[in-house]
Amino acid sequence: MTLWQRLIQRYWWLAPLLLLTVVLLDQNDNPAPVANETVTDMRTGEADYYLESFTTRHFDATGKLVYLAHGDSLGHFPDDDHSEIERPVIELTRRDSKWLIDAPRGRFDPDPDTFRLEGGVTIRRLPFAAVNDADDNHRKTHEAEAREAIASEPVTIRTETVAVATEANEVHTDAPVSVAGAGFELNALGMSSAIDSGNLALHGDVRATYQPPTREP
């Protein structure tokens, strides 16, 4: 019997241990991949903060309230600095008018400040007198009294989508719109209105319905 055969016969029981050692060394040379932590990339359209039942106010340089906005929720997206809002309500108060605008959903873009509401928008413009009566020191001119007489009832505007540009002082839509007031209803394709003055411009396909006041017998 040769020396090699005698060594194999004496140490054959070490063979399984040697094979196990080789397998373990091979696994160490090829470690399993380690999962990296998830990192949020703000450029991929994910919100960086989220608010519920929020209210925000914006003032001009003189400290005068420009608008008040509140809603069920707001998510801010840093990729283009816009915010998405659920059930937004926008309140615009001016010297001679007040606007209340609500919708199922909306979007806010800064610079310049613009709200884009959609999903069925309702716009209510309160009568001039309702705003001026709050100012006891305001002396009404004949012109102001005439305007109050014309706008003695609230006006309700309904449309599918609208842009409210607070810095440009404009409410605008290209969608079909209905305007209802005391004894009248206007329908048109698109409209724009100055927020401060309340002057309304209907863009096209205008149809008017007028209900004269009922005379008492």
N, C-alpha and C. Protein backbone atom coordinates (compact mmCIF):
# COMPACT_ATOMS: atom_id res chain seq x y z
N MET A 1 0.86 -1.19 0.00
CA MET A 1 0.00 0.00 0.00
C MET A 1 0.90 1.24 0.00
N THR A 2 0.58 2.15 -0.91
CA THR A 2 1.41 3.36 -1.04
C THR A 2 1.10 4.33 0.09
N LEU A 3 2.01 5.31 0.21
CA LEU A 3 1.82 6.35 1.24
C LEU A 3 0.54 7.13 1.00
N TRP A 4 0.24 7.47 -0.24
CA TRP A 4 -0.98 8.24 -0.57
C TRP A 4 -2.23 7.48 -0.19
N GLN A 5 -2.22 6.16 -0.45
CA GLN A 5 -3.38 5.34 -0.10
C GLN A 5 -3.54 5.25 1.41
N ARG A 6 -2.40 5.16 2.12
CA ARG A 6 -2.49 5.10 3.59
C ARG A 6 -3.05 6.40 4.16
N LEU A 7 -2.66 7.56 3.56
CA LEU A 7 -3.18 8.85 4.05
C LEU A 7 -4.68 8.96 3.82
N ILE A 8 -5.14 8.52 2.64
CA ILE A 8 -6.58 8.58 2.35
C ILE A 8 -7.35 7.70 3.32
N GLN A 9 -6.80 6.48 3.60
CA GLN A 9 -7.49 5.56 4.49
C GLN A 9 -7.55 6.10 5.91
N ARG A 10 -6.51 6.84 6.31
CA ARG A 10 -6.46 7.35 7.69
C ARG A 10 -7.31 8.61 7.86
N TYR A 11 -7.34 9.46 6.84
CA TYR A 11 -7.99 10.78 7.02
C TYR A 11 -9.22 10.95 6.12
N TRP A 12 -9.85 9.85 5.69
CA TRP A 12 -11.02 9.98 4.80
C TRP A 12 -12.17 10.75 5.47
N TRP A 13 -12.27 10.66 6.79
CA TRP A 13 -13.37 11.32 7.49
C TRP A 13 -13.28 12.84 7.45
N LEU A 14 -12.11 13.40 7.06
CA LEU A 14 -11.96 14.86 6.96
C LEU A 14 -12.53 15.42 5.65
N ALA A 15 -12.83 14.55 4.68
CA ALA A 15 -13.28 15.03 3.36
C ALA A 15 -14.55 15.88 3.44
N PRO A 16 -15.61 15.44 4.16
CA PRO A 16 -16.82 16.29 4.23
C PRO A 16 -16.55 17.66 4.83
N LEU A 17 -15.66 17.73 5.83
CA LEU A 17 -15.35 19.03 6.43
C LEU A 17 -14.65 19.94 5.43
N LEU A 18 -13.75 19.36 4.62
CA LEU A 18 -13.06 20.17 3.61
C LEU A 18 -14.03 20.70 2.57
N LEU A 19 -14.99 19.86 2.14
CA LEU A 19 -15.99 20.32 1.17
C LEU A 19 -16.85 21.44 1.74
N LEU A 20 -17.25 21.31 3.02
CA LEU A 20 -18.05 22.36 3.66
C LEU A 20 -17.29 23.66 3.73
N THR A 21 -15.97 23.57 4.04
CA THR A 21 -15.14 24.78 4.11
C THR A 21 -15.07 25.48 2.76
N VAL A 22 -14.94 24.70 1.68
CA VAL A 22 -14.87 25.29 0.33
C VAL A 22 -16.17 26.01 -0.01
N VAL A 23 -17.32 25.40 0.34
CA VAL A 23 -18.62 26.02 0.06
C VAL A 23 -18.78 27.33 0.81
N LEU A 24 -18.39 27.34 2.09
CA LEU A 24 -18.51 28.56 2.90
C LEU A 24 -17.62 29.67 2.37
N LEU A 25 -16.40 29.33 1.96
CA LEU A 25 -15.51 30.33 1.38
C LEU A 25 -16.07 30.92 0.10
N ASP A 26 -16.72 30.08 -0.71
CA ASP A 26 -17.31 30.57 -1.96
C ASP A 26 -18.46 31.53 -1.68
N GLN A 27 -19.26 31.25 -0.65
CA GLN A 27 -20.36 32.15 -0.30
C GLN A 27 -19.84 33.48 0.21
N ASN A 28 -18.73 33.47 0.95
CA ASN A 28 -18.16 34.72 1.44
C ASN A 28 -17.60 35.57 0.30
N ASP A 29 -17.09 34.90 -0.73
CA ASP A 29 -16.58 35.66 -1.87
C ASP A 29 -17.69 36.29 -2.69
N ASN A 30 -18.93 35.76 -2.59
CA ASN A 30 -20.08 36.30 -3.33
C ASN A 30 -21.22 36.59 -2.36
N PRO A 31 -21.09 37.64 -1.56
CA PRO A 31 -22.11 37.93 -0.55
C PRO A 31 -23.44 38.30 -1.19
N ALA A 32 -24.52 38.00 -0.47
CA ALA A 32 -25.86 38.33 -0.96
C ALA A 32 -26.03 39.84 -1.00
N PRO A 33 -26.74 40.35 -2.02
CA PRO A 33 -26.94 41.80 -2.11
C PRO A 33 -27.74 42.31 -0.93
N VAL A 34 -27.37 43.51 -0.46
CA VAL A 34 -28.04 44.13 0.67
C VAL A 34 -28.99 45.19 0.14
N ALA A 35 -30.26 45.15 0.58
CA ALA A 35 -31.25 46.12 0.12
C ALA A 35 -30.92 47.50 0.66
N ASN A 36 -30.91 48.49 -0.22
CA ASN A 36 -30.65 49.86 0.18
C ASN A 36 -31.91 50.48 0.76
N GLU A 37 -31.73 51.47 1.63
CA GLU A 37 -32.87 52.19 2.17
C GLU A 37 -33.53 53.00 1.07
N THR A 38 -34.87 53.09 1.14
CA THR A 38 -35.62 53.87 0.15
C THR A 38 -35.40 55.35 0.41
N VAL A 39 -34.96 56.07 -0.61
CA VAL A 39 -34.71 57.50 -0.51
C VAL A 39 -35.73 58.22 -1.38
N THR A 40 -36.47 59.16 -0.81
CA THR A 40 -37.47 59.90 -1.56
C THR A 40 -36.80 60.97 -2.41
N ASP A 41 -37.03 60.88 -3.72
CA ASP A 41 -36.51 61.87 -4.65
C ASP A 41 -37.60 62.91 -4.89
N MET A 42 -37.37 64.14 -4.42
CA MET A 42 -38.37 65.18 -4.53
C MET A 42 -38.66 65.58 -5.97
N ARG A 43 -37.87 65.11 -6.92
CA ARG A 43 -38.10 65.45 -8.32
C ARG A 43 -39.00 64.46 -9.02
N THR A 44 -39.47 63.44 -8.34
CA THR A 44 -40.26 62.41 -8.98
C THR A 44 -41.75 62.62 -8.79
N GLY A 45 -42.18 63.77 -8.30
CA GLY A 45 -43.60 64.05 -8.16
C GLY A 45 -44.21 63.63 -6.85
N GLU A 46 -43.40 63.39 -5.82
CA GLU A 46 -43.92 63.02 -4.51
C GLU A 46 -44.05 64.27 -3.64
N ALA A 47 -45.11 64.31 -2.81
CA ALA A 47 -45.33 65.45 -1.94
C ALA A 47 -44.29 65.48 -0.82
N ASP A 48 -43.82 66.69 -0.50
CA ASP A 48 -42.87 66.80 0.61
C ASP A 48 -43.55 67.19 1.92
N TYR A 49 -44.81 67.68 1.85
CA TYR A 49 -45.59 67.82 3.08
C TYR A 49 -47.08 67.78 2.74
N TYR A 50 -47.87 67.48 3.76
CA TYR A 50 -49.30 67.23 3.58
C TYR A 50 -50.04 67.82 4.78
N LEU A 51 -51.14 68.56 4.50
CA LEU A 51 -51.93 69.19 5.55
C LEU A 51 -53.37 68.71 5.46
N GLU A 52 -54.02 68.59 6.61
CA GLU A 52 -55.44 68.25 6.66
C GLU A 52 -56.19 69.37 7.36
N SER A 53 -57.42 69.63 6.87
CA SER A 53 -58.29 70.67 7.44
C SER A 53 -57.50 71.96 7.63
N PHE A 54 -56.93 72.45 6.55
CA PHE A 54 -56.02 73.60 6.61
C PHE A 54 -56.76 74.91 6.34
N THR A 55 -56.18 76.00 6.81
CA THR A 55 -56.61 77.36 6.49
C THR A 55 -55.36 78.20 6.29
N THR A 56 -55.34 78.98 5.22
CA THR A 56 -54.20 79.86 4.96
C THR A 56 -54.70 81.23 4.54
N ARG A 57 -53.98 82.26 4.92
CA ARG A 57 -54.33 83.64 4.58
C ARG A 57 -53.14 84.30 3.89
N HIS A 58 -53.45 85.13 2.90
CA HIS A 58 -52.40 85.85 2.19
C HIS A 58 -52.69 87.34 2.28
N PHE A 59 -51.68 88.12 2.70
CA PHE A 59 -51.82 89.56 2.87
C PHE A 59 -50.91 90.28 1.88
N ASP A 60 -51.32 91.50 1.51
CA ASP A 60 -50.46 92.29 0.63
C ASP A 60 -49.42 93.05 1.45
N ALA A 61 -48.65 93.90 0.78
CA ALA A 61 -47.56 94.61 1.45
C ALA A 61 -48.05 95.57 2.53
N THR A 62 -49.32 96.00 2.43
CA THR A 62 -49.87 96.93 3.42
C THR A 62 -50.54 96.21 4.58
N GLY A 63 -50.55 94.88 4.54
CA GLY A 63 -51.19 94.12 5.59
C GLY A 63 -52.66 93.84 5.36
N LYS A 64 -53.16 94.16 4.17
CA LYS A 64 -54.56 93.92 3.84
C LYS A 64 -54.74 92.49 3.34
N LEU A 65 -55.80 91.85 3.80
CA LEU A 65 -56.07 90.47 3.40
C LEU A 65 -56.43 90.41 1.92
N VAL A 66 -55.68 89.59 1.17
CA VAL A 66 -55.95 89.40 -0.26
C VAL A 66 -56.90 88.24 -0.47
N TYR A 67 -56.61 87.11 0.16
CA TYR A 67 -57.52 85.97 0.07
C TYR A 67 -57.34 85.07 1.28
N LEU A 68 -58.37 84.30 1.54
CA LEU A 68 -58.34 83.24 2.54
C LEU A 68 -58.71 81.95 1.84
N ALA A 69 -57.94 80.90 2.07
CA ALA A 69 -58.21 79.61 1.44
C ALA A 69 -58.23 78.52 2.51
N HIS A 70 -59.19 77.63 2.41
CA HIS A 70 -59.21 76.47 3.30
C HIS A 70 -59.76 75.27 2.54
N GLY A 71 -59.54 74.08 3.09
CA GLY A 71 -59.97 72.87 2.41
C GLY A 71 -59.77 71.65 3.28
N ASP A 72 -60.17 70.50 2.74
CA ASP A 72 -60.03 69.24 3.48
C ASP A 72 -58.57 68.81 3.58
N SER A 73 -57.80 69.00 2.51
CA SER A 73 -56.39 68.59 2.54
C SER A 73 -55.61 69.35 1.50
N LEU A 74 -54.29 69.42 1.72
CA LEU A 74 -53.37 70.08 0.80
C LEU A 74 -52.06 69.30 0.76
N GLY A 75 -51.61 68.98 -0.43
CA GLY A 75 -50.31 68.34 -0.62
C GLY A 75 -49.41 69.20 -1.47
N HIS A 76 -48.20 69.46 -1.00
CA HIS A 76 -47.26 70.32 -1.73
C HIS A 76 -46.24 69.47 -2.47
N PHE A 77 -45.98 69.82 -3.74
CA PHE A 77 -45.06 69.08 -4.60
C PHE A 77 -43.91 70.00 -5.01
N PRO A 78 -42.69 69.70 -4.53
CA PRO A 78 -41.56 70.61 -4.74
C PRO A 78 -40.99 70.61 -6.14
N ASP A 79 -41.37 69.63 -7.00
CA ASP A 79 -40.77 69.59 -8.33
C ASP A 79 -41.07 70.86 -9.11
N ASP A 80 -42.30 71.39 -8.99
CA ASP A 80 -42.62 72.67 -9.62
C ASP A 80 -43.31 73.63 -8.65
N ASP A 81 -43.25 73.31 -7.34
CA ASP A 81 -43.73 74.18 -6.27
C ASP A 81 -45.25 74.38 -6.31
N HIS A 82 -46.02 73.40 -6.81
CA HIS A 82 -47.47 73.55 -6.82
C HIS A 82 -48.07 72.75 -5.67
N SER A 83 -49.32 73.05 -5.35
CA SER A 83 -50.06 72.35 -4.30
C SER A 83 -51.37 71.83 -4.87
N GLU A 84 -51.76 70.65 -4.44
CA GLU A 84 -53.03 70.06 -4.84
C GLU A 84 -53.95 70.05 -3.62
N ILE A 85 -55.21 70.48 -3.84
CA ILE A 85 -56.14 70.72 -2.75
C ILE A 85 -57.41 69.91 -2.97
N GLU A 86 -57.91 69.30 -1.89
CA GLU A 86 -59.19 68.62 -1.91
C GLU A 86 -60.23 69.51 -1.22
N ARG A 87 -61.38 69.68 -1.87
CA ARG A 87 -62.48 70.51 -1.38
C ARG A 87 -62.01 71.93 -1.03
N PRO A 88 -61.39 72.62 -1.97
CA PRO A 88 -60.93 73.98 -1.68
C PRO A 88 -62.09 74.98 -1.62
N VAL A 89 -61.95 75.97 -0.76
CA VAL A 89 -62.85 77.12 -0.68
C VAL A 89 -61.98 78.37 -0.66
N ILE A 90 -62.22 79.27 -1.61
CA ILE A 90 -61.44 80.51 -1.71
C ILE A 90 -62.35 81.68 -1.38
N GLU A 91 -61.92 82.54 -0.47
CA GLU A 91 -62.66 83.74 -0.10
C GLU A 91 -61.84 84.96 -0.51
N LEU A 92 -62.46 85.82 -1.33
CA LEU A 92 -61.82 87.04 -1.80
C LEU A 92 -62.66 88.22 -1.34
N THR A 93 -62.11 89.08 -0.51
CA THR A 93 -62.83 90.24 -0.01
C THR A 93 -62.20 91.51 -0.55
N ARG A 94 -63.01 92.32 -1.21
CA ARG A 94 -62.56 93.59 -1.75
C ARG A 94 -63.41 94.71 -1.17
N ARG A 95 -63.09 95.93 -1.53
CA ARG A 95 -63.80 97.08 -0.96
C ARG A 95 -65.28 97.04 -1.32
N ASP A 96 -65.61 96.63 -2.55
CA ASP A 96 -66.99 96.67 -3.00
C ASP A 96 -67.58 95.30 -3.32
N SER A 97 -66.89 94.24 -2.99
CA SER A 97 -67.43 92.91 -3.32
C SER A 97 -66.77 91.84 -2.47
N LYS A 98 -67.44 90.73 -2.39
CA LYS A 98 -66.88 89.56 -1.73
C LYS A 98 -67.23 88.32 -2.56
N TRP A 99 -66.23 87.47 -2.77
CA TRP A 99 -66.40 86.27 -3.57
C TRP A 99 -66.17 85.03 -2.71
N LEU A 100 -67.01 84.03 -2.89
CA LEU A 100 -66.83 82.72 -2.27
C LEU A 100 -66.80 81.69 -3.40
N ILE A 101 -65.70 80.96 -3.53
CA ILE A 101 -65.51 80.03 -4.64
C ILE A 101 -65.16 78.66 -4.06
N ASP A 102 -65.91 77.63 -4.44
CA ASP A 102 -65.61 76.29 -3.94
C ASP A 102 -65.71 75.27 -5.07
N ALA A 103 -65.02 74.14 -4.89
CA ALA A 103 -64.96 73.08 -5.90
C ALA A 103 -64.53 71.79 -5.23
N PRO A 104 -64.72 70.64 -5.89
CA PRO A 104 -64.26 69.37 -5.32
C PRO A 104 -62.74 69.27 -5.20
N ARG A 105 -62.02 69.86 -6.13
CA ARG A 105 -60.55 69.77 -6.09
C ARG A 105 -59.96 70.98 -6.79
N GLY A 106 -58.67 71.20 -6.53
CA GLY A 106 -58.02 72.35 -7.13
C GLY A 106 -56.51 72.24 -7.05
N ARG A 107 -55.89 73.22 -7.65
CA ARG A 107 -54.42 73.29 -7.70
C ARG A 107 -54.03 74.75 -7.49
N PHE A 108 -52.94 74.95 -6.74
CA PHE A 108 -52.42 76.30 -6.51
C PHE A 108 -51.00 76.38 -7.04
N ASP A 109 -50.74 77.41 -7.87
CA ASP A 109 -49.41 77.68 -8.40
C ASP A 109 -48.98 79.08 -7.96
N PRO A 110 -47.80 79.22 -7.35
CA PRO A 110 -47.31 80.54 -6.97
C PRO A 110 -46.59 81.23 -8.11
N ASP A 111 -46.37 82.52 -7.93
CA ASP A 111 -45.52 83.32 -8.85
C ASP A 111 -45.96 83.25 -10.30
N PRO A 112 -47.12 83.86 -10.65
CA PRO A 112 -48.04 84.57 -9.75
C PRO A 112 -49.06 83.63 -9.11
N ASP A 113 -49.64 84.09 -8.00
CA ASP A 113 -50.60 83.26 -7.27
C ASP A 113 -51.83 82.98 -8.12
N THR A 114 -52.08 81.71 -8.41
CA THR A 114 -53.23 81.32 -9.22
C THR A 114 -53.82 80.02 -8.69
N PHE A 115 -55.12 80.04 -8.43
CA PHE A 115 -55.86 78.83 -8.09
C PHE A 115 -56.56 78.33 -9.34
N ARG A 116 -56.46 77.03 -9.60
CA ARG A 116 -57.19 76.40 -10.70
C ARG A 116 -58.11 75.34 -10.10
N LEU A 117 -59.40 75.64 -10.11
CA LEU A 117 -60.39 74.76 -9.50
C LEU A 117 -61.15 74.01 -10.59
N GLU A 118 -61.56 72.77 -10.29
CA GLU A 118 -62.26 71.97 -11.29
C GLU A 118 -63.15 70.94 -10.61
N GLY A 119 -63.98 70.30 -11.45
CA GLY A 119 -64.86 69.26 -10.95
C GLY A 119 -66.26 69.74 -10.63
N GLY A 120 -66.62 70.96 -11.09
CA GLY A 120 -67.90 71.56 -10.76
C GLY A 120 -67.69 72.69 -9.77
N VAL A 121 -67.51 73.91 -10.30
CA VAL A 121 -67.15 75.07 -9.48
C VAL A 121 -68.38 75.93 -9.24
N THR A 122 -68.56 76.38 -8.02
CA THR A 122 -69.62 77.33 -7.67
C THR A 122 -68.99 78.62 -7.17
N ILE A 123 -69.37 79.73 -7.79
CA ILE A 123 -68.84 81.05 -7.43
C ILE A 123 -70.00 81.90 -6.95
N ARG A 124 -69.90 82.44 -5.76
CA ARG A 124 -70.93 83.33 -5.22
C ARG A 124 -70.32 84.70 -4.99
N ARG A 125 -70.95 85.68 -5.63
CA ARG A 125 -70.51 87.06 -5.42
C ARG A 125 -71.57 87.77 -4.58
N LEU A 126 -71.17 88.22 -3.40
CA LEU A 126 -72.11 88.84 -2.49
C LEU A 126 -72.43 90.25 -2.94
N PRO A 127 -73.61 90.77 -2.59
CA PRO A 127 -73.97 92.13 -2.99
C PRO A 127 -73.06 93.16 -2.35
N PHE A 128 -72.90 94.29 -3.02
CA PHE A 128 -72.02 95.34 -2.53
C PHE A 128 -72.45 95.82 -1.16
N ALA A 129 -73.76 95.94 -0.93
CA ALA A 129 -74.23 96.47 0.34
C ALA A 129 -73.81 95.61 1.51
N ALA A 130 -73.74 94.28 1.30
CA ALA A 130 -73.38 93.39 2.40
C ALA A 130 -71.97 93.63 2.87
N VAL A 131 -71.10 94.12 1.97
CA VAL A 131 -69.73 94.42 2.35
C VAL A 131 -69.61 95.81 2.92
N ASN A 132 -70.26 96.79 2.29
CA ASN A 132 -70.12 98.18 2.72
C ASN A 132 -70.79 98.45 4.06
N ASP A 133 -71.83 97.70 4.38
CA ASP A 133 -72.50 97.93 5.65
C ASP A 133 -71.60 97.65 6.84
N ALA A 134 -70.55 96.88 6.64
CA ALA A 134 -69.63 96.57 7.74
C ALA A 134 -68.73 97.74 8.06
N ASP A 135 -68.66 98.74 7.17
CA ASP A 135 -67.81 99.90 7.37
C ASP A 135 -68.69 101.09 7.74
N ASP A 136 -68.81 101.41 9.02
CA ASP A 136 -69.69 102.49 9.46
C ASP A 136 -69.18 103.85 9.02
N ASN A 137 -67.89 103.98 8.74
CA ASN A 137 -67.32 105.27 8.37
C ASN A 137 -67.34 105.52 6.87
N HIS A 138 -67.85 104.57 6.11
CA HIS A 138 -67.87 104.71 4.65
C HIS A 138 -69.09 105.53 4.24
N ARG A 139 -68.86 106.67 3.60
CA ARG A 139 -69.95 107.52 3.13
C ARG A 139 -70.28 107.14 1.70
N LYS A 140 -71.48 106.64 1.46
CA LYS A 140 -71.87 106.18 0.14
C LYS A 140 -72.15 107.36 -0.79
N THR A 141 -71.59 107.33 -1.98
CA THR A 141 -71.89 108.32 -3.01
C THR A 141 -73.11 107.86 -3.79
N HIS A 142 -73.63 108.75 -4.66
CA HIS A 142 -74.77 108.37 -5.49
C HIS A 142 -74.41 107.21 -6.40
N GLU A 143 -73.16 107.20 -6.89
CA GLU A 143 -72.72 106.11 -7.76
C GLU A 143 -72.72 104.79 -7.00
N ALA A 144 -72.21 104.83 -5.75
CA ALA A 144 -72.18 103.60 -4.96
C ALA A 144 -73.59 103.11 -4.67
N GLU A 145 -74.51 104.04 -4.38
CA GLU A 145 -75.88 103.64 -4.12
C GLU A 145 -76.52 103.01 -5.35
N ALA A 146 -76.21 103.55 -6.53
CA ALA A 146 -76.75 102.98 -7.76
C ALA A 146 -76.21 101.57 -7.99
N ARG A 147 -74.93 101.39 -7.75
CA ARG A 147 -74.35 100.06 -7.94
C ARG A 147 -74.94 99.06 -6.95
N GLU A 148 -75.20 99.51 -5.73
CA GLU A 148 -75.79 98.63 -4.74
C GLU A 148 -77.21 98.24 -5.15
N ALA A 149 -77.93 99.18 -5.75
CA ALA A 149 -79.29 98.87 -6.19
C ALA A 149 -79.27 97.81 -7.29
N ILE A 150 -78.30 97.92 -8.21
CA ILE A 150 -78.19 96.93 -9.28
C ILE A 150 -77.78 95.58 -8.72
N ALA A 151 -76.85 95.59 -7.77
CA ALA A 151 -76.32 94.34 -7.20
C ALA A 151 -76.93 94.06 -5.84
N SER A 152 -78.24 94.26 -5.73
CA SER A 152 -78.89 94.08 -4.43
C SER A 152 -79.08 92.63 -4.05
N GLU A 153 -78.86 91.72 -5.00
CA GLU A 153 -78.98 90.30 -4.73
C GLU A 153 -77.67 89.59 -5.08
N PRO A 154 -77.38 88.51 -4.40
CA PRO A 154 -76.16 87.75 -4.75
C PRO A 154 -76.24 87.20 -6.17
N VAL A 155 -75.08 87.03 -6.78
CA VAL A 155 -74.96 86.42 -8.10
C VAL A 155 -74.22 85.10 -7.93
N THR A 156 -74.75 84.04 -8.53
CA THR A 156 -74.14 82.71 -8.46
C THR A 156 -73.69 82.29 -9.85
N ILE A 157 -72.44 81.89 -9.96
CA ILE A 157 -71.85 81.46 -11.22
C ILE A 157 -71.44 80.00 -11.07
N ARG A 158 -71.81 79.19 -12.06
CA ARG A 158 -71.45 77.77 -12.04
C ARG A 158 -70.74 77.40 -13.33
N THR A 159 -69.67 76.64 -13.20
CA THR A 159 -68.91 76.18 -14.35
C THR A 159 -68.11 74.94 -13.96
N GLU A 160 -67.49 74.30 -14.93
CA GLU A 160 -66.75 73.07 -14.65
C GLU A 160 -65.36 73.35 -14.12
N THR A 161 -64.72 74.39 -14.62
CA THR A 161 -63.35 74.71 -14.21
C THR A 161 -63.14 76.21 -14.28
N VAL A 162 -62.29 76.73 -13.41
CA VAL A 162 -62.04 78.17 -13.38
C VAL A 162 -60.64 78.44 -12.85
N ALA A 163 -60.05 79.52 -13.33
CA ALA A 163 -58.75 79.99 -12.83
C ALA A 163 -58.99 81.29 -12.06
N VAL A 164 -58.47 81.35 -10.84
CA VAL A 164 -58.59 82.54 -10.00
C VAL A 164 -57.19 83.11 -9.83
N ALA A 165 -56.91 84.18 -10.57
CA ALA A 165 -55.59 84.82 -10.54
C ALA A 165 -55.68 86.02 -9.61
N THR A 166 -55.24 85.84 -8.36
CA THR A 166 -55.42 86.90 -7.37
C THR A 166 -54.53 88.11 -7.65
N GLU A 167 -53.32 87.89 -8.16
CA GLU A 167 -52.43 89.01 -8.45
C GLU A 167 -52.85 89.73 -9.73
N ALA A 168 -53.39 89.00 -10.70
CA ALA A 168 -53.88 89.62 -11.94
C ALA A 168 -55.30 90.14 -11.78
N ASN A 169 -55.92 89.91 -10.61
CA ASN A 169 -57.25 90.43 -10.31
C ASN A 169 -58.30 89.91 -11.29
N GLU A 170 -58.28 88.59 -11.57
CA GLU A 170 -59.19 88.06 -12.58
C GLU A 170 -59.68 86.66 -12.22
N VAL A 171 -60.95 86.43 -12.52
CA VAL A 171 -61.54 85.09 -12.50
C VAL A 171 -61.85 84.75 -13.95
N HIS A 172 -61.40 83.58 -14.42
CA HIS A 172 -61.48 83.29 -15.86
C HIS A 172 -61.79 81.82 -16.10
N THR A 173 -62.61 81.56 -17.14
CA THR A 173 -62.85 80.20 -17.60
C THR A 173 -63.20 80.22 -19.07
N ASP A 174 -62.82 79.16 -19.78
CA ASP A 174 -63.22 78.96 -21.17
C ASP A 174 -64.33 77.92 -21.28
N ALA A 175 -64.75 77.36 -20.16
CA ALA A 175 -65.78 76.33 -20.15
C ALA A 175 -67.18 76.97 -20.18
N PRO A 176 -68.21 76.19 -20.50
CA PRO A 176 -69.57 76.71 -20.41
C PRO A 176 -69.87 77.21 -19.00
N VAL A 177 -70.64 78.29 -18.92
CA VAL A 177 -70.87 78.94 -17.64
C VAL A 177 -72.32 79.40 -17.56
N SER A 178 -72.88 79.35 -16.35
CA SER A 178 -74.20 79.92 -16.10
C SER A 178 -74.09 80.94 -14.98
N VAL A 179 -74.78 82.08 -15.17
CA VAL A 179 -74.76 83.17 -14.21
C VAL A 179 -76.21 83.45 -13.82
N ALA A 180 -76.52 83.30 -12.54
CA ALA A 180 -77.90 83.47 -12.07
C ALA A 180 -77.96 84.54 -11.01
N GLY A 181 -78.97 85.42 -11.14
CA GLY A 181 -79.20 86.46 -10.16
C GLY A 181 -80.68 86.63 -9.93
N ALA A 182 -81.05 87.74 -9.33
CA ALA A 182 -82.46 87.99 -9.03
C ALA A 182 -83.24 88.21 -10.32
N GLY A 183 -84.01 87.21 -10.75
CA GLY A 183 -84.86 87.36 -11.91
C GLY A 183 -84.19 87.15 -13.24
N PHE A 184 -82.96 86.68 -13.29
CA PHE A 184 -82.32 86.46 -14.58
C PHE A 184 -81.35 85.29 -14.51
N GLU A 185 -81.06 84.73 -15.68
CA GLU A 185 -80.03 83.70 -15.82
C GLU A 185 -79.36 83.88 -17.17
N LEU A 186 -78.03 83.86 -17.17
CA LEU A 186 -77.24 83.98 -18.39
C LEU A 186 -76.44 82.70 -18.58
N ASN A 187 -76.37 82.24 -19.82
CA ASN A 187 -75.54 81.09 -20.17
C ASN A 187 -74.61 81.50 -21.30
N ALA A 188 -73.36 81.07 -21.22
CA ALA A 188 -72.38 81.47 -22.22
C ALA A 188 -71.26 80.45 -22.28
N LEU A 189 -70.43 80.60 -23.29
CA LEU A 189 -69.24 79.76 -23.42
C LEU A 189 -68.03 80.60 -23.03
N GLY A 190 -67.62 80.47 -21.78
CA GLY A 190 -66.47 81.21 -21.27
C GLY A 190 -66.85 82.55 -20.68
N MET A 191 -66.09 82.98 -19.70
CA MET A 191 -66.31 84.29 -19.09
C MET A 191 -65.06 84.72 -18.36
N SER A 192 -64.97 86.01 -18.10
CA SER A 192 -63.91 86.58 -17.27
C SER A 192 -64.51 87.71 -16.45
N SER A 193 -63.95 87.92 -15.27
CA SER A 193 -64.47 88.96 -14.39
C SER A 193 -63.34 89.53 -13.57
N ALA A 194 -63.33 90.85 -13.43
CA ALA A 194 -62.38 91.51 -12.54
C ALA A 194 -62.83 91.28 -11.10
N ILE A 195 -61.91 90.87 -10.25
CA ILE A 195 -62.27 90.57 -8.86
C ILE A 195 -62.66 91.84 -8.12
N ASP A 196 -61.90 92.91 -8.31
CA ASP A 196 -62.16 94.14 -7.56
C ASP A 196 -63.50 94.77 -7.92
N SER A 197 -63.74 94.97 -9.23
CA SER A 197 -64.95 95.67 -9.66
C SER A 197 -66.15 94.76 -9.82
N GLY A 198 -65.91 93.47 -10.10
CA GLY A 198 -67.02 92.56 -10.33
C GLY A 198 -67.58 92.63 -11.73
N ASN A 199 -66.98 93.44 -12.62
CA ASN A 199 -67.45 93.53 -14.00
C ASN A 199 -67.29 92.18 -14.69
N LEU A 200 -68.36 91.73 -15.33
CA LEU A 200 -68.41 90.40 -15.92
C LEU A 200 -68.45 90.49 -17.44
N ALA A 201 -67.60 89.71 -18.11
CA ALA A 201 -67.57 89.65 -19.57
C ALA A 201 -67.83 88.22 -19.99
N LEU A 202 -68.92 88.01 -20.75
CA LEU A 202 -69.24 86.69 -21.29
C LEU A 202 -68.64 86.59 -22.68
N HIS A 203 -68.00 85.45 -22.98
CA HIS A 203 -67.15 85.37 -24.17
C HIS A 203 -67.90 85.01 -25.44
N GLY A 204 -68.91 84.19 -25.39
CA GLY A 204 -69.58 83.80 -26.62
C GLY A 204 -70.77 82.91 -26.38
N ASP A 205 -71.62 82.80 -27.43
CA ASP A 205 -72.82 81.96 -27.39
C ASP A 205 -73.68 82.30 -26.18
N VAL A 206 -73.96 83.60 -26.02
CA VAL A 206 -74.67 84.08 -24.84
C VAL A 206 -76.18 83.89 -25.02
N ARG A 207 -76.81 83.35 -24.01
CA ARG A 207 -78.27 83.20 -23.99
C ARG A 207 -78.76 83.73 -22.64
N ALA A 208 -79.85 84.49 -22.69
CA ALA A 208 -80.35 85.14 -21.49
C ALA A 208 -81.80 84.76 -21.25
N THR A 209 -82.13 84.57 -19.99
CA THR A 209 -83.50 84.33 -19.56
C THR A 209 -83.82 85.33 -18.47
N TYR A 210 -84.93 86.06 -18.66
CA TYR A 210 -85.29 87.09 -17.69
C TYR A 210 -86.68 86.81 -17.15
N GLN A 211 -86.79 86.83 -15.85
CA GLN A 211 -88.06 86.62 -15.18
C GLN A 211 -88.50 87.94 -14.55
N PRO A 212 -89.49 88.62 -15.13
CA PRO A 212 -89.91 89.90 -14.57
C PRO A 212 -90.51 89.72 -13.19
N PRO A 213 -90.40 90.74 -12.35
CA PRO A 213 -90.96 90.63 -11.00
C PRO A 213 -92.47 90.48 -11.04
N THR A 214 -92.98 89.71 -10.11
CA THR A 214 -94.42 89.48 -10.04
C THR A 214 -95.10 90.68 -9.39
N ARG A 215 -96.12 91.20 -10.07
CA ARG A 215 -96.85 92.34 -9.54
C ARG A 215 -97.95 91.86 -8.59
N GLU A 216 -98.04 92.57 -7.50
CA GLU A 216 -99.10 92.23 -6.55
C GLU A 216 -100.43 92.76 -7.07
N PRO A 217 -101.51 92.02 -6.91
CA PRO A 217 -102.83 92.48 -7.39
C PRO A 217 -103.33 93.68 -6.59
